[in-house]
Each structure stands twice: as structure tokens, then as C-alpha cells.
């Protein structure tokens, strides 16, 4: 049954909006773990728009589950990962103008730049994952490069509005899981998932982990981080019971 990774970037976004010291994303990570998260995810962007360098060591110290660092392949960021040594590094595309990560990393086009980064991270004992779109060539290339896992971009599904489009995107993701399993990759899911739309994905067989941030942080404003995580864990567990059932 798939587990839950909680992205705490959005807590830091609120903090940075006022240039204050609260809310504290490190405290959010502690609360998320109490609520049942089995992974804490953060994205250290080059522009440090939310998570900052001062968060890194306290975040690692407080996280007793898997710590997943989303990151670009910029040399300075790679050096930070080598020093911090989180459990997993997820390579993502990064564009300054975007509000959040949109679309997947093009590992096929950037293979020559990505492969050495993957080797460096793995040589230092960190697992690696590629945040990619559910395209067979991207998944297969990720396996060839040496990634341990792929996180399939679920934005196409999350943003689909017409029933036919929703079904098309679900089939793309189901196919992506199959390719990932054939390539012996762990397959995760993330982007745009909410309490309202996660059920069809949770009922799919083959996911290792769901990474969810904005929806959980938004819910936490009303019920607290601990309870918001518990609610999502219950949803995943309930619908996960039907995984693979026609």
C-alpha cells in the first residue's frame, strides 16, 4: 500500500511572505510525522523563495522518516545535497518564473548533464528519483541513467476537467506504472493531488508513495498539520484497499 510524503514548502512560503520566522517548516515536519507521514519533502530552490539554508540542518535533525530533497541539477545545489545527505534526492526542473514545479524533468534531452549528478549522489549514499511525466521514453531513460525511482507528474490528471480527459490521464499514469515496474523502478506520484481527487490514483496498484503538499498545508490551516496528514493517510489507506480491483 502506498505511503504518504508531505511537502512542507508551502509552510515556508507563508513565512517568507512576511520575512518572519513563523510558521516554521521544521515544526511542520515534526507535526506531519506525528500525523503519519513516512516521508518529508522539501525543495531547495536556487532563489531560496521558500525553504532556505537555515532550515536544512534543523530539518534533517527533526526528521526520523525519509527526508526527500527536491532539487535542480545546478552545481551549487548539488553541493548542498552532498553536504546535507538526505535519504533521497529528487531531481526536478526549475524555472524562475513558475509558481511551483510544472511538468517533468526532460531526462532524455538532459541525459548527459543528469547522469553525472545521479552518480555523484548515489556514490554518497543517497537514493535518487526523477520527477518526470508519465512518458515511456522518459521512464526508460531514467532507469538507464541509474535512478532508483521515478515520481510521475500527476498534474495532467489533476488539471483535467472533462471526464474523457480525466480517464485519458489516468490511463497514462497506469501505463507509466507498468513501464516503471518493468524497468525495476520504484514509482511515486505527485503534483496537484488533493483530498478531492486522490481516490482514483490511490486505488491503482503499483504506487510506492504519494507526495502531497499544497492541499495538506491548506487543510492544516483549519485543523492543524497533524490532523490534516491523518485525514490524507486515512484516504490513501481506504482507497488503497481496492488497488488492482476491477
Protein backbone atom coordinates (compact mmCIF):
# COMPACT_ATOMS: atom_id res chain seq x y z
CA UNK A 1 0.00 0.00 0.00
CA UNK A 2 1.33 3.44 -0.94
CA UNK A 3 2.67 5.70 1.77
CA UNK A 4 2.45 9.48 2.15
CA UNK A 5 5.18 12.03 1.69
CA UNK A 6 4.32 15.57 2.83
CA UNK A 7 5.87 18.57 1.09
CA UNK A 8 6.42 21.38 3.60
CA UNK A 9 7.48 24.08 1.11
CA UNK A 10 4.13 25.81 1.38
CA UNK A 11 4.58 26.43 5.09
CA UNK A 12 7.85 28.18 4.29
CA UNK A 13 6.10 30.20 1.56
CA UNK A 14 3.78 31.74 4.15
CA UNK A 15 6.76 32.52 6.39
CA UNK A 16 8.72 34.15 3.60
CA UNK A 17 5.73 36.30 2.57
CA UNK A 18 6.33 38.38 5.71
CA UNK A 19 10.05 37.79 6.08
CA UNK A 20 9.28 36.46 9.56
CA UNK A 21 10.31 33.37 11.49
CA UNK A 22 6.89 31.69 11.53
CA UNK A 23 5.25 29.44 10.57
CA UNK A 24 8.25 27.17 10.92
CA UNK A 25 8.53 24.44 8.25
CA UNK A 26 10.69 22.38 10.61
CA UNK A 27 7.88 22.31 13.16
CA UNK A 28 5.50 21.42 10.35
CA UNK A 29 7.72 18.45 9.51
CA UNK A 30 7.57 17.25 13.11
CA UNK A 31 3.78 17.53 13.19
CA UNK A 32 3.43 15.78 9.82
CA UNK A 33 5.43 12.83 11.10
CA UNK A 34 3.23 12.54 14.17
CA UNK A 35 0.23 12.56 11.82
CA UNK A 36 1.58 9.58 9.91
CA UNK A 37 3.79 10.92 7.11
CA UNK A 38 6.51 8.45 6.15
CA UNK A 39 8.44 11.00 4.10
CA UNK A 40 9.13 14.72 4.43
CA UNK A 41 9.78 16.50 1.15
CA UNK A 42 11.29 19.94 0.63
CA UNK A 43 12.55 21.82 -2.42
CA UNK A 44 15.64 23.97 -2.04
CA UNK A 45 15.33 26.34 -4.98
CA UNK A 46 18.19 28.36 -6.34
CA UNK A 47 16.35 31.59 -5.46
CA UNK A 48 15.52 30.30 -1.95
CA UNK A 49 11.94 31.54 -2.33
CA UNK A 50 10.61 29.32 0.47
CA UNK A 51 12.95 26.76 2.08
CA UNK A 52 16.24 28.47 2.96
CA UNK A 53 19.66 27.24 4.01
CA UNK A 54 18.92 27.91 7.68
CA UNK A 55 16.13 25.29 7.53
CA UNK A 56 18.30 22.44 6.30
CA UNK A 57 20.18 21.15 9.33
CA UNK A 58 17.25 21.52 11.76
CA UNK A 59 15.02 19.80 9.22
CA UNK A 60 17.36 16.84 8.93
CA UNK A 61 17.72 16.66 12.71
CA UNK A 62 13.96 16.52 13.33
CA UNK A 63 13.09 14.12 10.50
CA UNK A 64 13.13 10.48 11.57
CA UNK A 65 11.36 9.21 8.44
CA UNK A 66 12.67 9.52 4.88
CA UNK A 67 13.90 13.03 4.04
CA UNK A 68 13.44 13.82 0.35
CA UNK A 69 15.18 16.84 -1.16
CA UNK A 70 13.74 18.12 -4.41
CA UNK A 71 16.47 19.88 -6.34
CA UNK A 72 17.72 21.10 -9.68
CA UNK A 73 20.98 19.92 -11.22
CA UNK A 74 22.65 23.31 -10.62
CA UNK A 75 26.20 22.67 -9.28
CA UNK A 76 25.68 24.81 -6.16
CA UNK A 77 22.53 22.90 -5.23
CA UNK A 78 24.23 19.54 -5.84
CA UNK A 79 26.98 20.58 -3.42
CA UNK A 80 24.36 21.39 -0.77
CA UNK A 81 22.83 17.93 -1.21
CA UNK A 82 26.24 16.31 -0.87
CA UNK A 83 26.79 18.11 2.42
CA UNK A 84 23.29 17.55 3.83
CA UNK A 85 22.93 13.97 2.60
CA UNK A 86 19.16 13.49 2.77
CA UNK A 87 17.85 9.98 2.29
CA UNK A 88 16.64 10.76 -1.22
CA UNK A 89 17.23 13.45 -3.84
CA UNK A 90 14.51 14.03 -6.42
CA UNK A 91 15.73 15.87 -9.49
CA UNK A 92 13.15 18.32 -10.80
CA UNK A 93 13.01 21.03 -13.47
CA UNK A 94 13.26 24.56 -12.14
CA UNK A 95 12.22 27.79 -13.82
CA UNK A 96 12.39 31.12 -12.03
CA UNK A 97 9.05 32.40 -13.37
CA UNK A 98 6.93 29.43 -12.28
CA UNK A 99 4.81 29.48 -9.13
CA UNK A 100 5.57 25.82 -8.48
CA UNK A 101 7.19 22.98 -10.38
CA UNK A 102 5.21 22.49 -13.60
CA UNK A 103 5.77 19.45 -15.78
CA UNK A 104 8.51 16.90 -15.53
CA UNK A 105 12.26 16.89 -15.98
CA UNK A 106 13.29 16.03 -19.54
CA UNK A 107 15.80 13.30 -18.72
CA UNK A 108 16.03 12.23 -22.37
CA UNK A 109 17.19 15.66 -23.57
CA UNK A 110 19.35 16.37 -20.50
CA UNK A 111 20.76 12.88 -20.08
CA UNK A 112 24.42 13.91 -20.38
CA UNK A 113 24.02 16.55 -17.68
CA UNK A 114 21.86 14.47 -15.35
CA UNK A 115 23.79 11.18 -15.37
CA UNK A 116 26.91 12.54 -13.61
CA UNK A 117 24.75 14.16 -10.91
CA UNK A 118 22.95 10.87 -10.28
CA UNK A 119 26.28 9.08 -9.93
CA UNK A 120 27.62 11.69 -7.51
CA UNK A 121 24.56 11.49 -5.29
CA UNK A 122 24.41 7.70 -5.31
CA UNK A 123 28.14 7.44 -4.58
CA UNK A 124 27.46 9.41 -1.39
CA UNK A 125 24.76 7.01 -0.28
CA UNK A 126 21.65 8.89 -1.36
CA UNK A 127 18.76 7.34 -3.27
CA UNK A 128 17.76 9.22 -6.41
CA UNK A 129 14.43 9.87 -8.06
CA UNK A 130 13.43 11.69 -11.25
CA UNK A 131 10.32 13.87 -11.35
CA UNK A 132 9.08 13.14 -14.86
CA UNK A 133 5.94 12.99 -16.96
CA UNK A 134 4.35 9.55 -17.49
CA UNK A 135 6.02 9.07 -20.87
CA UNK A 136 7.58 5.63 -21.52
CA UNK A 137 10.78 7.06 -23.04
CA UNK A 138 11.35 9.29 -20.02
CA UNK A 139 10.81 6.40 -17.61
CA UNK A 140 13.07 4.04 -19.54
CA UNK A 141 15.81 6.67 -19.79
CA UNK A 142 15.58 7.29 -16.04
CA UNK A 143 16.25 3.62 -15.41
CA UNK A 144 19.18 3.61 -17.85
CA UNK A 145 20.73 6.64 -16.15
CA UNK A 146 20.64 4.85 -12.79
CA UNK A 147 17.77 6.43 -10.86
CA UNK A 148 16.31 4.31 -8.08
CA UNK A 149 12.82 5.72 -8.50
CA UNK A 150 10.64 7.97 -10.62
CA UNK A 151 7.94 10.34 -9.43
CA UNK A 152 5.31 10.62 -12.11
CA UNK A 153 3.89 14.11 -12.63
CA UNK A 154 0.16 13.88 -11.90
CA UNK A 155 -0.61 17.44 -12.99
CA UNK A 156 -2.18 16.31 -16.26
CA UNK A 157 -4.74 14.34 -14.27
CA UNK A 158 -5.18 16.97 -11.55
CA UNK A 159 -5.83 19.76 -14.08
CA UNK A 160 -8.12 17.74 -16.37
CA UNK A 161 -11.74 18.86 -16.30
CA UNK A 162 -13.66 16.77 -18.84
CA UNK A 163 -14.43 13.14 -17.93
CA UNK A 164 -12.75 11.85 -21.08
CA UNK A 165 -9.61 13.85 -20.34
CA UNK A 166 -9.55 12.55 -16.77
CA UNK A 167 -9.75 8.96 -17.99
CA UNK A 168 -7.04 9.57 -20.57
CA UNK A 169 -4.70 10.91 -17.91
CA UNK A 170 -5.47 8.04 -15.56
CA UNK A 171 -4.58 5.58 -18.31
CA UNK A 172 -1.31 7.43 -18.96
CA UNK A 173 -0.41 7.11 -15.30
CA UNK A 174 -1.41 3.45 -15.19
CA UNK A 175 0.78 2.83 -18.20
CA UNK A 176 3.60 4.75 -16.53
CA UNK A 177 3.43 2.47 -13.50
CA UNK A 178 3.67 -0.57 -15.75
CA UNK A 179 6.73 0.78 -17.55
CA UNK A 180 8.34 1.74 -14.26
CA UNK A 181 7.80 -1.71 -12.80
CA UNK A 182 9.19 -3.31 -15.95
CA UNK A 183 12.28 -1.12 -15.56
CA UNK A 184 12.55 -2.15 -11.89
CA UNK A 185 11.97 1.37 -10.61
CA UNK A 186 10.04 2.43 -7.54
CA UNK A 187 7.15 4.56 -8.78
CA UNK A 188 5.88 7.58 -6.85
CA UNK A 189 3.21 10.15 -7.69
CA UNK A 190 2.96 13.87 -7.15
CA UNK A 191 1.65 17.27 -8.19
CA UNK A 192 -1.80 18.77 -7.79
CA UNK A 193 -3.20 15.94 -5.68
CA UNK A 194 -5.92 16.87 -3.19
CA UNK A 195 -8.38 15.28 -0.80
CA UNK A 196 -10.96 15.52 -3.60
CA UNK A 197 -9.06 13.92 -6.47
CA UNK A 198 -6.63 11.42 -4.94
CA UNK A 199 -9.05 8.47 -4.69
CA UNK A 200 -8.73 7.10 -8.27
CA UNK A 201 -4.95 7.16 -8.03
CA UNK A 202 -4.89 5.62 -4.55
CA UNK A 203 -6.96 2.75 -5.93
CA UNK A 204 -4.30 1.99 -8.56
CA UNK A 205 -1.90 -0.84 -7.90
CA UNK A 206 1.80 -0.10 -8.04
CA UNK A 207 2.38 3.25 -6.37
CA UNK A 208 5.08 3.36 -3.75
CA UNK A 209 4.39 6.84 -2.40
CA UNK A 210 2.27 9.92 -2.91
CA UNK A 211 3.93 13.30 -2.42
CA UNK A 212 1.35 15.92 -1.49
CA UNK A 213 1.98 19.43 -0.22
CA UNK A 214 -0.34 22.33 -1.00
CA UNK A 215 -3.63 20.58 -0.26
CA UNK A 216 -2.41 19.25 3.08
CA UNK A 217 -0.94 22.61 4.12
CA UNK A 218 -4.18 24.34 3.14
CA UNK A 219 -6.22 21.90 5.21
CA UNK A 220 -3.80 22.34 8.11
CA UNK A 221 -4.81 25.99 8.38
CA UNK A 222 -8.18 24.79 9.71
CA UNK A 223 -7.45 21.53 11.53
CA UNK A 224 -3.69 21.61 12.17
CA UNK A 225 -0.91 19.79 10.35
CA UNK A 226 -1.15 16.64 12.42
CA UNK A 227 -4.85 16.10 11.71
CA UNK A 228 -4.56 17.18 8.06
CA UNK A 229 -1.95 14.46 7.50
CA UNK A 230 -4.03 11.90 9.37
CA UNK A 231 -7.01 12.65 7.12
CA UNK A 232 -4.93 12.13 3.97
CA UNK A 233 -3.39 8.93 5.33
CA UNK A 234 -6.88 7.58 6.02
CA UNK A 235 -7.96 8.41 2.47
CA UNK A 236 -4.96 6.68 0.95
CA UNK A 237 -5.39 3.63 3.18
CA UNK A 238 -9.10 3.32 2.47
CA UNK A 239 -8.89 3.61 -1.31
CA UNK A 240 -5.64 1.65 -1.38
CA UNK A 241 -7.58 -1.39 -0.18
CA UNK A 242 -9.17 -1.54 -3.59
CA UNK A 243 -5.92 -1.25 -5.55
CA UNK A 244 -5.99 -3.60 -8.52
CA UNK A 245 -9.68 -4.47 -8.04
CA UNK A 246 -11.60 -4.13 -11.36
